[in-house]
Amino acid sequence: MPDRRLAVEAWESLFRAQHEVFEDIKRDFADSSLQQGEYDVLLSVVRGTDGTARLRDITENMLISQPSVSRLVDKMVSRGLVTKCSDPEDGRGALVTATEAGTRTFRMLAVEHGRHIAARMSSLTNDELRTLTALTQKLRA
């Protein structure tokens, strides 16, 4: 068992770093046609097979509740960014598919957003980035 004081110190450092990086990165959405939540939905959908993802999988990737994700997806449907239909393999579920406009809008922002993330993380070496990834995956397991 790790030292409790050290564990709390590490947690606080991780939390503050995440918060500061998040605050910096969220500026990418200030003048964007996409809100950050919409970007996160499209990230899950565009990465899915044929630009489609199950609503429950989108919800698992986001840090908001299932009803909030459902409302957000419905708003995105009305904006023409995604379509939503019943999941033929799960009668209670839904499939969300990126439209051409949604994919195009996502990709335009993703390029710039990726650049900003890389710039923000540039204080770390590639080895440190791999270590950080391994450590955060271990914490999530």
C-alpha atoms as a PDB file:
ATOM      1  CA  MET A   1       0.000   0.000   0.000  1.00  0.00           C
ATOM      2  CA  PRO A   2       1.456   3.393  -0.976  1.00  0.00           C
ATOM      3  CA  ASP A   3       2.088   6.146   1.531  1.00  0.00           C
ATOM      4  CA  ARG A   4      -1.233   7.960   2.074  1.00  0.00           C
ATOM      5  CA  ARG A   5       0.296  11.442   2.119  1.00  0.00           C
ATOM      6  CA  LEU A   6       2.215  10.767  -1.101  1.00  0.00           C
ATOM      7  CA  ALA A   7      -0.930   9.329  -2.729  1.00  0.00           C
ATOM      8  CA  VAL A   8      -2.924  12.477  -1.849  1.00  0.00           C
ATOM      9  CA  GLU A   9      -0.101  14.726  -3.095  1.00  0.00           C
ATOM     10  CA  ALA A  10       0.100  12.809  -6.386  1.00  0.00           C
ATOM     11  CA  TRP A  11      -3.700  12.932  -6.783  1.00  0.00           C
ATOM     12  CA  GLU A  12      -3.804  16.686  -6.199  1.00  0.00           C
ATOM     13  CA  SER A  13      -0.977  17.236  -8.684  1.00  0.00           C
ATOM     14  CA  LEU A  14      -2.716  15.059 -11.296  1.00  0.00           C
ATOM     15  CA  PHE A  15      -6.043  16.826 -10.713  1.00  0.00           C
ATOM     16  CA  ARG A  16      -4.532  20.309 -10.976  1.00  0.00           C
ATOM     17  CA  ALA A  17      -2.533  19.431 -14.089  1.00  0.00           C
ATOM     18  CA  GLN A  18      -5.637  17.979 -15.743  1.00  0.00           C
ATOM     19  CA  HIS A  19      -7.673  21.061 -14.834  1.00  0.00           C
ATOM     20  CA  GLU A  20      -5.057  23.524 -16.113  1.00  0.00           C
ATOM     21  CA  VAL A  21      -4.496  21.631 -19.371  1.00  0.00           C
ATOM     22  CA  PHE A  22      -8.265  21.290 -19.871  1.00  0.00           C
ATOM     23  CA  GLU A  23      -8.805  25.032 -19.322  1.00  0.00           C
ATOM     24  CA  ASP A  24      -6.096  25.810 -21.875  1.00  0.00           C
ATOM     25  CA  ILE A  25      -7.353  23.331 -24.470  1.00  0.00           C
ATOM     26  CA  LYS A  26     -11.027  24.268 -24.180  1.00  0.00           C
ATOM     27  CA  ARG A  27     -10.225  27.613 -25.800  1.00  0.00           C
ATOM     28  CA  ASP A  28     -10.247  25.701 -29.085  1.00  0.00           C
ATOM     29  CA  PHE A  29     -14.038  25.658 -28.840  1.00  0.00           C
ATOM     30  CA  ALA A  30     -14.602  29.338 -28.026  1.00  0.00           C
ATOM     31  CA  ASP A  31     -15.016  30.428 -31.657  1.00  0.00           C
ATOM     32  CA  SER A  32     -15.886  27.021 -33.085  1.00  0.00           C
ATOM     33  CA  SER A  33     -19.175  25.924 -34.593  1.00  0.00           C
ATOM     34  CA  LEU A  34     -18.928  22.873 -32.295  1.00  0.00           C
ATOM     35  CA  GLN A  35     -19.244  22.829 -28.538  1.00  0.00           C
ATOM     36  CA  GLN A  36     -16.769  20.625 -26.720  1.00  0.00           C
ATOM     37  CA  GLY A  37     -19.439  18.033 -25.909  1.00  0.00           C
ATOM     38  CA  GLU A  38     -20.460  17.868 -29.559  1.00  0.00           C
ATOM     39  CA  TYR A  39     -16.817  17.394 -30.526  1.00  0.00           C
ATOM     40  CA  ASP A  40     -16.552  14.534 -28.024  1.00  0.00           C
ATOM     41  CA  VAL A  41     -19.659  12.858 -29.463  1.00  0.00           C
ATOM     42  CA  LEU A  42     -18.306  13.205 -32.997  1.00  0.00           C
ATOM     43  CA  LEU A  43     -14.919  11.866 -31.876  1.00  0.00           C
ATOM     44  CA  SER A  44     -16.589   8.635 -30.726  1.00  0.00           C
ATOM     45  CA  VAL A  45     -18.824   8.431 -33.790  1.00  0.00           C
ATOM     46  CA  VAL A  46     -16.205   9.220 -36.445  1.00  0.00           C
ATOM     47  CA  ARG A  47     -13.857   6.636 -34.931  1.00  0.00           C
ATOM     48  CA  GLY A  48     -16.605   4.000 -35.047  1.00  0.00           C
ATOM     49  CA  THR A  49     -17.152   1.508 -37.828  1.00  0.00           C
ATOM     50  CA  ASP A  50     -18.590   3.324 -40.855  1.00  0.00           C
ATOM     51  CA  GLY A  51     -18.793   6.549 -38.809  1.00  0.00           C
ATOM     52  CA  THR A  52     -21.309   4.977 -36.433  1.00  0.00           C
ATOM     53  CA  ALA A  53     -21.320   4.309 -32.698  1.00  0.00           C
ATOM     54  CA  ARG A  54     -23.819   2.960 -30.209  1.00  0.00           C
ATOM     55  CA  LEU A  55     -25.285   5.616 -27.951  1.00  0.00           C
ATOM     56  CA  ARG A  56     -24.227   3.612 -24.867  1.00  0.00           C
ATOM     57  CA  ASP A  57     -20.605   3.546 -26.132  1.00  0.00           C
ATOM     58  CA  ILE A  58     -20.657   7.312 -26.657  1.00  0.00           C
ATOM     59  CA  THR A  59     -21.962   7.733 -23.112  1.00  0.00           C
ATOM     60  CA  GLU A  60     -19.142   5.562 -21.717  1.00  0.00           C
ATOM     61  CA  ASN A  61     -16.571   7.850 -23.364  1.00  0.00           C
ATOM     62  CA  MET A  62     -18.056  11.044 -21.970  1.00  0.00           C
ATOM     63  CA  LEU A  63     -18.062  12.525 -18.502  1.00  0.00           C
ATOM     64  CA  ILE A  64     -21.761  13.374 -18.434  1.00  0.00           C
ATOM     65  CA  SER A  65     -24.879  11.347 -17.689  1.00  0.00           C
ATOM     66  CA  GLN A  66     -26.730   9.204 -20.217  1.00  0.00           C
ATOM     67  CA  PRO A  67     -29.766  11.552 -20.315  1.00  0.00           C
ATOM     68  CA  SER A  68     -27.422  14.500 -20.982  1.00  0.00           C
ATOM     69  CA  VAL A  69     -25.710  12.613 -23.806  1.00  0.00           C
ATOM     70  CA  SER A  70     -29.107  11.718 -25.289  1.00  0.00           C
ATOM     71  CA  ARG A  71     -30.211  15.364 -25.224  1.00  0.00           C
ATOM     72  CA  LEU A  72     -26.918  16.456 -26.767  1.00  0.00           C
ATOM     73  CA  VAL A  73     -27.207  13.874 -29.558  1.00  0.00           C
ATOM     74  CA  ASP A  74     -30.810  14.953 -30.240  1.00  0.00           C
ATOM     75  CA  LYS A  75     -29.609  18.561 -30.513  1.00  0.00           C
ATOM     76  CA  MET A  76     -26.877  17.424 -32.919  1.00  0.00           C
ATOM     77  CA  VAL A  77     -29.482  15.573 -35.013  1.00  0.00           C
ATOM     78  CA  SER A  78     -31.461  18.805 -35.332  1.00  0.00           C
ATOM     79  CA  ARG A  79     -28.268  20.620 -36.406  1.00  0.00           C
ATOM     80  CA  GLY A  80     -27.592  18.005 -39.098  1.00  0.00           C
ATOM     81  CA  LEU A  81     -24.324  16.775 -37.557  1.00  0.00           C
ATOM     82  CA  VAL A  82     -25.471  13.204 -36.862  1.00  0.00           C
ATOM     83  CA  THR A  83     -28.372  10.873 -37.471  1.00  0.00           C
ATOM     84  CA  LYS A  84     -29.870   8.562 -34.870  1.00  0.00           C
ATOM     85  CA  CYS A  85     -31.786   5.348 -35.382  1.00  0.00           C
ATOM     86  CA  SER A  86     -32.753   2.244 -33.430  1.00  0.00           C
ATOM     87  CA  ASP A  87     -30.029  -0.333 -32.907  1.00  0.00           C
ATOM     88  CA  PRO A  88     -31.206  -3.529 -34.663  1.00  0.00           C
ATOM     89  CA  GLU A  89     -29.097  -5.615 -32.237  1.00  0.00           C
ATOM     90  CA  ASP A  90     -30.441  -3.889 -29.113  1.00  0.00           C
ATOM     91  CA  GLY A  91     -34.056  -2.796 -29.178  1.00  0.00           C
ATOM     92  CA  ARG A  92     -33.515  -0.341 -26.322  1.00  0.00           C
ATOM     93  CA  GLY A  93     -30.384   1.178 -27.853  1.00  0.00           C
ATOM     94  CA  ALA A  94     -29.647   3.636 -30.607  1.00  0.00           C
ATOM     95  CA  LEU A  95     -27.011   4.017 -33.303  1.00  0.00           C
ATOM     96  CA  VAL A  96     -25.541   7.439 -33.990  1.00  0.00           C
ATOM     97  CA  THR A  97     -23.944   8.140 -37.373  1.00  0.00           C
ATOM     98  CA  ALA A  98     -21.980  11.201 -38.428  1.00  0.00           C
ATOM     99  CA  THR A  99     -23.390  13.057 -41.402  1.00  0.00           C
ATOM    100  CA  GLU A 100     -21.095  14.384 -44.106  1.00  0.00           C
ATOM    101  CA  ALA A 101     -21.447  17.856 -42.575  1.00  0.00           C
ATOM    102  CA  GLY A 102     -20.707  16.498 -39.092  1.00  0.00           C
ATOM    103  CA  THR A 103     -17.627  14.639 -40.270  1.00  0.00           C
ATOM    104  CA  ARG A 104     -16.337  17.666 -42.182  1.00  0.00           C
ATOM    105  CA  THR A 105     -16.925  20.020 -39.233  1.00  0.00           C
ATOM    106  CA  PHE A 106     -15.265  17.579 -36.834  1.00  0.00           C
ATOM    107  CA  ARG A 107     -12.195  17.073 -39.025  1.00  0.00           C
ATOM    108  CA  MET A 108     -11.637  20.800 -39.536  1.00  0.00           C
ATOM    109  CA  LEU A 109     -11.596  21.394 -35.778  1.00  0.00           C
ATOM    110  CA  ALA A 110      -9.718  18.156 -34.985  1.00  0.00           C
ATOM    111  CA  VAL A 111      -6.654  19.256 -36.945  1.00  0.00           C
ATOM    112  CA  GLU A 112      -6.300  22.508 -35.008  1.00  0.00           C
ATOM    113  CA  HIS A 113      -7.302  20.915 -31.701  1.00  0.00           C
ATOM    114  CA  GLY A 114      -4.685  18.193 -32.196  1.00  0.00           C
ATOM    115  CA  ARG A 115      -2.026  20.840 -32.816  1.00  0.00           C
ATOM    116  CA  HIS A 116      -2.956  22.645 -29.610  1.00  0.00           C
ATOM    117  CA  ILE A 117      -2.889  19.434 -27.585  1.00  0.00           C
ATOM    118  CA  ALA A 118       0.536  18.532 -28.997  1.00  0.00           C
ATOM    119  CA  ALA A 119       1.853  22.020 -28.235  1.00  0.00           C
ATOM    120  CA  ARG A 120       0.498  21.899 -24.677  1.00  0.00           C
ATOM    121  CA  MET A 121       2.063  18.482 -24.106  1.00  0.00           C
ATOM    122  CA  SER A 122       5.381  19.465 -25.725  1.00  0.00           C
ATOM    123  CA  SER A 123       7.048  19.977 -22.335  1.00  0.00           C
ATOM    124  CA  LEU A 124       7.140  16.166 -22.093  1.00  0.00           C
ATOM    125  CA  THR A 125       9.436  13.883 -24.084  1.00  0.00           C
ATOM    126  CA  ASN A 126       8.014  11.005 -26.113  1.00  0.00           C
ATOM    127  CA  ASP A 127       9.185   8.591 -23.394  1.00  0.00           C
ATOM    128  CA  GLU A 128       7.437  10.698 -20.738  1.00  0.00           C
ATOM    129  CA  LEU A 129       4.261  10.776 -22.838  1.00  0.00           C
ATOM    130  CA  ARG A 130       4.352   6.973 -23.104  1.00  0.00           C
ATOM    131  CA  THR A 131       4.907   6.730 -19.334  1.00  0.00           C
ATOM    132  CA  LEU A 132       2.048   9.146 -18.662  1.00  0.00           C
ATOM    133  CA  THR A 133      -0.243   7.129 -20.917  1.00  0.00           C
ATOM    134  CA  ALA A 134       0.739   3.878 -19.192  1.00  0.00           C
ATOM    135  CA  LEU A 135       0.233   5.374 -15.727  1.00  0.00           C
ATOM    136  CA  THR A 136      -3.172   6.876 -16.510  1.00  0.00           C
ATOM    137  CA  GLN A 137      -4.312   3.599 -18.110  1.00  0.00           C
ATOM    138  CA  LYS A 138      -3.180   1.774 -14.986  1.00  0.00           C
ATOM    139  CA  LEU A 139      -5.183   4.188 -12.809  1.00  0.00           C
ATOM    140  CA  ARG A 140      -8.269   3.659 -14.968  1.00  0.00           C
ATOM    141  CA  ALA A 141      -8.019  -0.152 -14.899  1.00  0.00           C
END
